[in-house]
Amino acid sequence: MVFALGLCLCGPAAMAQSPGGGSPDFKDTPSPEGPATRPGRNTVPRGDAISLRPKWELGEVTRYTLTQTSTTKLPTLDNSGTPVGNQTMVQRLGLALTPTKINPEGGATVEIKITSVKMTSSGGIMEFEFDSTKPTPPATPPGTPPAAPGQPAAPGGAERSMIDKMLSQMVGSTMVAEFDRDGNITKMSGGEAFASAATMAGVGGGGPSLFTSLTPRVTGNAEPKVGETWSNVTDLSTPLTGAVRMDVKHTLRSATQRDATIGFVGTMIPPSEGAINTADAVIRSASQQGTYVWDRQRGQLRSMSMDMKLEAQIAIVGGDPFTSATTTTIERVDEPVAPSRPAPGRKTP
């Protein structure tokens, strides 16, 4: 059951920029004429440079909600030849970012805390619901009749306890990320409880790639011009899928005085010839496309949305490949909370 849960959870690495590969379904087609080509009162003309560097304020708390909906067509898991069906999983993570150190060269050390976890699974081989903000529901009692033929089973007893424990230990986990001046994560530490649970679920161990979508990742030039395109490589390897690298192409589509909009399309870099894959699943093909909205005034992500499709083969099961379609969004849920300051006329002790 843990392996099946991992199949549906492998998508959260898309908090980074999700794995893609093969012949992508998405095409980087030009958008219709818009603000970038029709300068208006608040629109930045094409060719003007836009800073996409993060702006940090010591102690300021910025909160995000990451939501991911995945529908996976599971392969046959036995010798009956009967497909299991579709497994749908909805995941929602609460994140709180707090800069703890501002570097003179422009980078920052930022605490990333998992504040809440919500997850539901339906169809396929199992159904359950978990919400860290609510009391844990009782496990299915012993003696409960098995699910009717063709109906997913609700995890009971030890399985339910294992799921609750695995997801509960993510809440409150705190990681420390070191960002360079362009918004790239150069080092990640802490969050052992989150990393342990993520590894069990096949979510890449909670490494830096898990959080790279918190910035647009401008490599080499953090002040691109409207209409300019750049590329970078994201490592999305997980225990479930093995080595996966994505070549992601970004385009600064438009900008106003308030926001900048960046589109991206990704394809997977084929593995080296002769490479041995010992993972539980092999990615056959994948594709992704999405959009960042960057808050220029605050120097923060306002929102990110992404669609990803993949096809993979489960090595330990065999049979037909499974396919997955995932939609991921990151939304800033409130205005940043300013650090506490002493009242006028008072001094900090």
Protein backbone atom coordinates (compact mmCIF):
# COMPACT_ATOMS: atom_id res chain seq x y z
CA MET A 1 0.00 0.00 0.00
CA VAL A 2 2.89 2.39 0.73
CA PHE A 3 4.19 1.85 -2.80
CA ALA A 4 0.74 2.67 -4.23
CA LEU A 5 0.63 5.81 -2.10
CA GLY A 6 4.07 6.71 -3.41
CA LEU A 7 2.81 6.50 -6.98
CA CYS A 8 0.30 9.24 -6.29
CA LEU A 9 2.72 11.26 -4.16
CA CYS A 10 5.61 11.32 -6.61
CA GLY A 11 4.04 14.44 -8.12
CA PRO A 12 4.85 16.80 -5.22
CA ALA A 13 8.32 17.11 -6.61
CA ALA A 14 6.42 19.34 -9.00
CA MET A 15 6.65 21.91 -6.25
CA ALA A 16 9.86 22.29 -8.08
CA GLN A 17 9.29 22.12 -11.81
CA SER A 18 7.82 18.75 -12.50
CA PRO A 19 9.52 15.97 -14.42
CA GLY A 20 8.96 15.89 -18.14
CA GLY A 21 10.40 13.92 -21.01
CA GLY A 22 10.00 12.07 -24.27
CA SER A 23 7.92 13.96 -26.80
CA PRO A 24 6.09 16.65 -24.84
CA ASP A 25 2.38 17.18 -25.37
CA PHE A 26 2.74 20.89 -24.69
CA LYS A 27 4.04 23.26 -27.33
CA ASP A 28 5.57 26.65 -26.64
CA THR A 29 3.15 28.49 -28.89
CA PRO A 30 3.21 32.28 -29.03
CA SER A 31 0.52 33.90 -26.92
CA PRO A 32 -1.92 36.29 -28.60
CA GLU A 33 -0.96 39.90 -28.82
CA GLY A 34 -1.09 41.21 -25.31
CA PRO A 35 0.38 43.80 -22.95
CA ALA A 36 3.94 43.01 -24.01
CA THR A 37 3.18 44.13 -27.55
CA ARG A 38 0.58 46.79 -26.81
CA PRO A 39 2.16 49.15 -24.28
CA GLY A 40 -0.45 50.75 -22.05
CA ARG A 41 -0.50 53.05 -19.09
CA ASN A 42 0.97 50.51 -16.65
CA THR A 43 2.63 48.11 -19.08
CA VAL A 44 6.38 47.75 -19.46
CA PRO A 45 7.34 47.85 -23.17
CA ARG A 46 8.94 44.83 -24.80
CA GLY A 47 12.71 45.03 -24.51
CA ASP A 48 12.74 46.68 -21.07
CA ALA A 49 14.68 44.79 -18.39
CA ILE A 50 12.72 43.48 -15.39
CA SER A 51 14.34 42.45 -12.11
CA LEU A 52 13.23 39.01 -10.95
CA ARG A 53 15.52 38.94 -7.92
CA PRO A 54 13.79 38.22 -4.59
CA LYS A 55 13.53 40.97 -2.00
CA TRP A 56 13.93 39.81 1.59
CA GLU A 57 13.11 41.52 4.89
CA LEU A 58 14.51 40.02 8.05
CA GLY A 59 11.80 38.30 10.10
CA GLU A 60 8.97 38.93 7.62
CA VAL A 61 6.65 35.91 7.31
CA THR A 62 5.17 35.07 3.89
CA ARG A 63 2.61 32.27 3.66
CA TYR A 64 1.74 30.12 0.67
CA THR A 65 -0.66 27.29 -0.07
CA LEU A 66 0.48 24.62 -2.49
CA THR A 67 -2.33 22.54 -4.00
CA GLN A 68 -1.82 19.56 -6.26
CA THR A 69 -4.47 17.41 -7.93
CA SER A 70 -3.26 14.22 -9.61
CA THR A 71 -5.26 11.66 -11.56
CA THR A 72 -3.35 8.47 -12.25
CA LYS A 73 -4.53 5.62 -14.45
CA LEU A 74 -3.02 2.72 -12.57
CA PRO A 75 -1.72 -0.41 -14.26
CA THR A 76 -2.88 -3.92 -13.51
CA LEU A 77 -1.50 -4.96 -10.12
CA ASP A 78 -2.25 -8.69 -10.40
CA ASN A 79 -2.52 -11.38 -13.05
CA SER A 80 -6.23 -10.98 -13.64
CA GLY A 81 -5.72 -8.59 -16.55
CA THR A 82 -8.32 -6.20 -15.08
CA PRO A 83 -7.19 -2.54 -14.87
CA VAL A 84 -7.42 -1.07 -11.37
CA GLY A 85 -8.88 2.21 -12.65
CA ASN A 86 -8.15 5.85 -11.87
CA GLN A 87 -6.65 7.03 -8.61
CA THR A 88 -7.27 10.71 -7.76
CA MET A 89 -5.27 12.42 -5.06
CA VAL A 90 -5.62 16.00 -3.83
CA GLN A 91 -2.82 17.38 -1.67
CA ARG A 92 -2.56 20.75 0.03
CA LEU A 93 0.47 21.99 1.96
CA GLY A 94 0.69 25.18 4.00
CA LEU A 95 4.10 26.88 3.83
CA ALA A 96 5.56 29.74 5.87
CA LEU A 97 8.77 31.46 4.72
CA THR A 98 10.78 33.57 7.18
CA PRO A 99 14.17 35.15 6.32
CA THR A 100 16.54 34.72 9.27
CA LYS A 101 19.64 36.27 7.70
CA ILE A 102 20.13 38.77 4.89
CA ASN A 103 23.49 38.48 3.14
CA PRO A 104 25.38 41.61 2.04
CA GLU A 105 25.67 40.29 -1.53
CA GLY A 106 21.89 40.03 -1.79
CA GLY A 107 21.12 36.42 -0.90
CA ALA A 108 19.31 35.26 2.22
CA THR A 109 18.90 32.37 4.63
CA VAL A 110 15.20 31.50 4.80
CA GLU A 111 13.31 29.21 7.15
CA ILE A 112 10.64 27.15 5.33
CA LYS A 113 8.05 25.61 7.65
CA ILE A 114 5.32 23.11 6.77
CA THR A 115 2.31 24.49 8.65
CA SER A 116 -0.43 22.11 7.51
CA VAL A 117 -1.04 18.99 5.41
CA LYS A 118 -4.34 17.97 3.81
CA MET A 119 -4.70 14.96 1.55
CA THR A 120 -7.54 12.94 0.05
CA SER A 121 -7.38 9.83 -2.11
CA SER A 122 -10.28 8.32 -4.03
CA GLY A 123 -10.82 5.58 -6.60
CA GLY A 124 -8.20 3.11 -7.68
CA ILE A 125 -6.95 0.88 -4.89
CA MET A 126 -7.59 2.97 -1.77
CA GLU A 127 -9.59 5.82 -0.29
CA PHE A 128 -8.67 7.97 2.68
CA GLU A 129 -8.75 11.53 3.93
CA PHE A 130 -6.22 13.29 6.15
CA ASP A 131 -6.36 16.83 7.52
CA SER A 132 -3.77 17.94 10.04
CA THR A 133 -6.08 20.74 11.21
CA LYS A 134 -8.75 18.24 12.36
CA PRO A 135 -8.79 15.32 14.81
CA THR A 136 -7.69 12.03 13.29
CA PRO A 137 -10.76 9.87 12.42
CA PRO A 138 -10.87 6.38 13.90
CA ALA A 139 -9.30 3.58 11.90
CA THR A 140 -11.51 0.99 10.29
CA PRO A 141 -12.38 -1.41 13.15
CA PRO A 142 -11.45 -5.10 12.97
CA GLY A 143 -14.13 -7.22 11.37
CA THR A 144 -15.25 -4.54 8.88
CA PRO A 145 -16.52 -6.31 5.74
CA PRO A 146 -14.16 -6.03 2.75
CA ALA A 147 -14.98 -3.61 -0.04
CA ALA A 148 -17.34 -4.85 -2.75
CA PRO A 149 -15.70 -6.14 -5.94
CA GLY A 150 -14.43 -3.25 -8.03
CA GLN A 151 -14.62 -0.80 -5.09
CA PRO A 152 -11.49 0.71 -3.47
CA ALA A 153 -10.74 -0.34 0.07
CA ALA A 154 -10.47 2.15 2.91
CA PRO A 155 -7.18 1.66 4.79
CA GLY A 156 -7.87 0.19 8.19
CA GLY A 157 -6.02 -0.69 11.36
CA ALA A 158 -2.24 -0.68 10.91
CA GLU A 159 -2.40 0.77 7.38
CA ARG A 160 -4.47 3.77 8.48
CA SER A 161 -2.22 4.35 11.46
CA MET A 162 0.83 4.26 9.19
CA ILE A 163 -0.68 6.83 6.78
CA ASP A 164 -1.65 9.18 9.60
CA LYS A 165 1.76 8.91 11.22
CA MET A 166 3.60 9.45 7.95
CA LEU A 167 1.61 12.58 7.07
CA SER A 168 1.39 13.97 10.61
CA GLN A 169 5.15 14.07 11.03
CA MET A 170 5.41 16.44 8.05
CA VAL A 171 3.54 19.16 9.97
CA GLY A 172 5.84 21.54 11.80
CA SER A 173 8.90 20.38 9.90
CA THR A 174 11.30 23.25 9.34
CA MET A 175 13.93 23.46 6.65
CA VAL A 176 16.56 26.14 6.16
CA ALA A 177 17.23 27.23 2.58
CA GLU A 178 20.10 29.41 1.46
CA PHE A 179 19.16 31.50 -1.58
CA ASP A 180 21.67 33.31 -3.77
CA ARG A 181 20.92 36.84 -4.95
CA ASP A 182 19.11 35.51 -8.04
CA GLY A 183 16.72 33.32 -6.03
CA ASN A 184 18.39 29.93 -6.61
CA ILE A 185 18.62 27.57 -3.63
CA THR A 186 22.28 26.73 -3.05
CA LYS A 187 21.91 24.72 0.16
CA MET A 188 19.13 23.06 2.15
CA SER A 189 19.31 21.69 5.69
CA GLY A 190 16.98 20.48 8.44
CA GLY A 191 13.50 19.06 8.01
CA GLU A 192 14.51 15.50 8.82
CA ALA A 193 10.94 14.48 9.74
CA PHE A 194 9.61 15.88 6.48
CA ALA A 195 12.42 14.28 4.49
CA SER A 196 11.75 10.90 6.09
CA ALA A 197 8.02 11.01 5.32
CA ALA A 198 8.66 12.34 1.82
CA THR A 199 11.12 9.54 1.11
CA MET A 200 8.61 6.93 2.26
CA ALA A 201 6.07 8.42 -0.09
CA GLY A 202 8.48 8.78 -3.00
CA VAL A 203 8.63 12.57 -2.84
CA GLY A 204 12.32 13.12 -3.50
CA GLY A 205 13.44 13.38 0.12
CA GLY A 206 12.54 17.03 0.61
CA GLY A 207 15.65 18.32 -1.12
CA PRO A 208 16.19 21.72 -2.77
CA SER A 209 14.34 20.78 -5.97
CA LEU A 210 11.14 20.48 -3.95
CA PHE A 211 11.03 24.24 -3.36
CA THR A 212 12.55 25.82 -6.46
CA SER A 213 9.16 26.98 -7.76
CA LEU A 214 9.11 29.63 -5.03
CA THR A 215 11.20 31.73 -7.43
CA PRO A 216 11.32 31.88 -11.27
CA ARG A 217 14.92 30.53 -11.35
CA VAL A 218 16.71 32.99 -13.59
CA THR A 219 20.17 31.58 -14.21
CA GLY A 220 22.91 34.05 -15.10
CA ASN A 221 20.66 37.04 -15.77
CA ALA A 222 18.10 38.02 -13.13
CA GLU A 223 17.03 41.07 -15.15
CA PRO A 224 15.65 39.62 -18.41
CA LYS A 225 13.90 41.78 -20.93
CA VAL A 226 10.23 41.44 -21.80
CA GLY A 227 10.08 38.79 -24.52
CA GLU A 228 13.42 37.21 -23.58
CA THR A 229 13.77 33.42 -23.16
CA TRP A 230 16.17 31.44 -20.96
CA SER A 231 16.62 27.82 -19.91
CA ASN A 232 17.83 25.87 -16.91
CA VAL A 233 18.05 22.26 -15.78
CA THR A 234 16.16 20.96 -12.74
CA ASP A 235 17.07 17.70 -11.02
CA LEU A 236 13.90 15.91 -9.93
CA SER A 237 15.29 12.52 -9.00
CA THR A 238 13.22 10.54 -6.48
CA PRO A 239 13.54 7.10 -4.90
CA LEU A 240 10.49 6.04 -6.91
CA THR A 241 11.58 7.18 -10.36
CA GLY A 242 15.36 7.30 -10.11
CA ALA A 243 17.36 9.94 -11.98
CA VAL A 244 15.12 12.49 -13.70
CA ARG A 245 16.34 15.81 -15.10
CA MET A 246 14.20 18.45 -16.75
CA ASP A 247 15.24 21.06 -19.32
CA VAL A 248 12.92 24.00 -18.61
CA LYS A 249 12.49 26.89 -21.04
CA HIS A 250 11.20 30.18 -19.58
CA THR A 251 9.88 33.28 -21.35
CA LEU A 252 9.20 36.66 -19.75
CA ARG A 253 5.88 37.17 -21.50
CA SER A 254 4.78 40.53 -20.11
CA ALA A 255 5.19 42.96 -17.24
CA THR A 256 3.29 45.79 -15.60
CA GLN A 257 4.39 48.05 -12.78
CA ARG A 258 2.72 45.53 -10.43
CA ASP A 259 3.56 42.06 -11.78
CA ALA A 260 5.70 40.14 -14.25
CA THR A 261 4.34 37.02 -15.99
CA ILE A 262 6.74 34.21 -16.89
CA GLY A 263 5.68 31.17 -18.92
CA PHE A 264 7.61 27.92 -18.93
CA VAL A 265 7.66 24.64 -20.87
CA GLY A 266 9.72 21.61 -19.85
CA THR A 267 11.02 18.41 -21.42
CA MET A 268 12.93 15.56 -19.81
CA ILE A 269 16.58 15.07 -20.66
CA PRO A 270 16.99 11.46 -21.88
CA PRO A 271 19.14 9.29 -19.60
CA SER A 272 22.66 8.52 -20.71
CA GLU A 273 23.03 5.57 -23.03
CA GLY A 274 23.70 2.43 -21.04
CA ALA A 275 22.53 3.99 -17.76
CA ILE A 276 21.15 1.44 -15.30
CA ASN A 277 17.85 2.33 -13.61
CA THR A 278 17.25 0.51 -10.32
CA ALA A 279 14.19 2.60 -9.34
CA ASP A 280 10.67 1.23 -8.87
CA ALA A 281 9.34 3.10 -11.90
CA VAL A 282 10.79 4.31 -15.19
CA ILE A 283 9.53 7.55 -16.72
CA ARG A 284 8.78 6.92 -20.41
CA SER A 285 7.53 10.34 -21.47
CA ALA A 286 6.37 13.53 -19.81
CA SER A 287 5.54 17.16 -20.51
CA GLN A 288 4.74 20.30 -18.58
CA GLN A 289 3.76 23.90 -19.03
CA GLY A 290 2.95 26.65 -16.58
CA THR A 291 3.05 30.27 -15.53
CA TYR A 292 4.61 32.32 -12.75
CA VAL A 293 3.19 35.64 -11.61
CA TRP A 294 5.97 37.60 -9.88
CA ASP A 295 5.12 40.47 -7.52
CA ARG A 296 7.56 43.16 -8.63
CA GLN A 297 6.83 45.48 -5.73
CA ARG A 298 7.56 42.93 -3.01
CA GLY A 299 10.01 40.81 -4.96
CA GLN A 300 8.03 37.66 -4.17
CA LEU A 301 6.09 34.97 -5.95
CA ARG A 302 2.42 35.90 -6.15
CA SER A 303 1.29 32.64 -7.77
CA MET A 304 2.41 29.71 -9.90
CA SER A 305 0.33 27.23 -11.90
CA MET A 306 1.49 24.19 -13.84
CA ASP A 307 0.04 21.24 -15.76
CA MET A 308 2.10 18.08 -16.10
CA LYS A 309 1.54 14.77 -17.88
CA LEU A 310 3.68 11.68 -17.65
CA GLU A 311 3.77 8.05 -18.66
CA ALA A 312 5.82 5.53 -16.72
CA GLN A 313 6.41 1.83 -16.27
CA ILE A 314 6.33 0.25 -12.83
CA ALA A 315 9.40 -1.96 -12.83
CA ILE A 316 8.42 -4.21 -9.94
CA VAL A 317 4.91 -4.84 -11.25
CA GLY A 318 5.24 -4.96 -15.02
CA GLY A 319 2.19 -4.86 -17.25
CA ASP A 320 0.94 -1.75 -18.99
CA PRO A 321 2.44 1.69 -18.30
CA PHE A 322 0.56 4.03 -16.01
CA THR A 323 -0.28 7.61 -16.94
CA SER A 324 -0.73 10.64 -14.72
CA ALA A 325 -2.06 14.16 -15.18
CA THR A 326 -1.28 16.70 -12.46
CA THR A 327 -2.26 20.30 -11.84
CA THR A 328 -0.18 22.22 -9.31
CA THR A 329 -0.77 25.72 -7.95
CA ILE A 330 1.10 27.86 -5.44
CA GLU A 331 -0.77 30.87 -4.08
CA ARG A 332 0.34 33.54 -1.65
CA VAL A 333 -2.46 33.38 0.88
CA ASP A 334 -2.04 36.71 2.66
CA GLU A 335 0.00 39.84 2.77
CA PRO A 336 3.40 39.22 4.37
CA VAL A 337 3.44 39.59 8.16
CA ALA A 338 5.97 42.24 9.09
CA PRO A 339 8.47 41.42 11.83
CA SER A 340 7.52 42.66 15.27
CA ARG A 341 9.00 46.04 16.12
CA PRO A 342 9.10 47.98 19.39
CA ALA A 343 6.46 50.67 19.87
CA PRO A 344 7.53 54.28 19.19
CA GLY A 345 9.62 55.62 22.02
CA ARG A 346 10.46 52.16 23.33
CA LYS A 347 13.74 50.34 23.00
CA THR A 348 14.24 46.71 22.36
CA PRO A 349 15.60 45.05 25.53
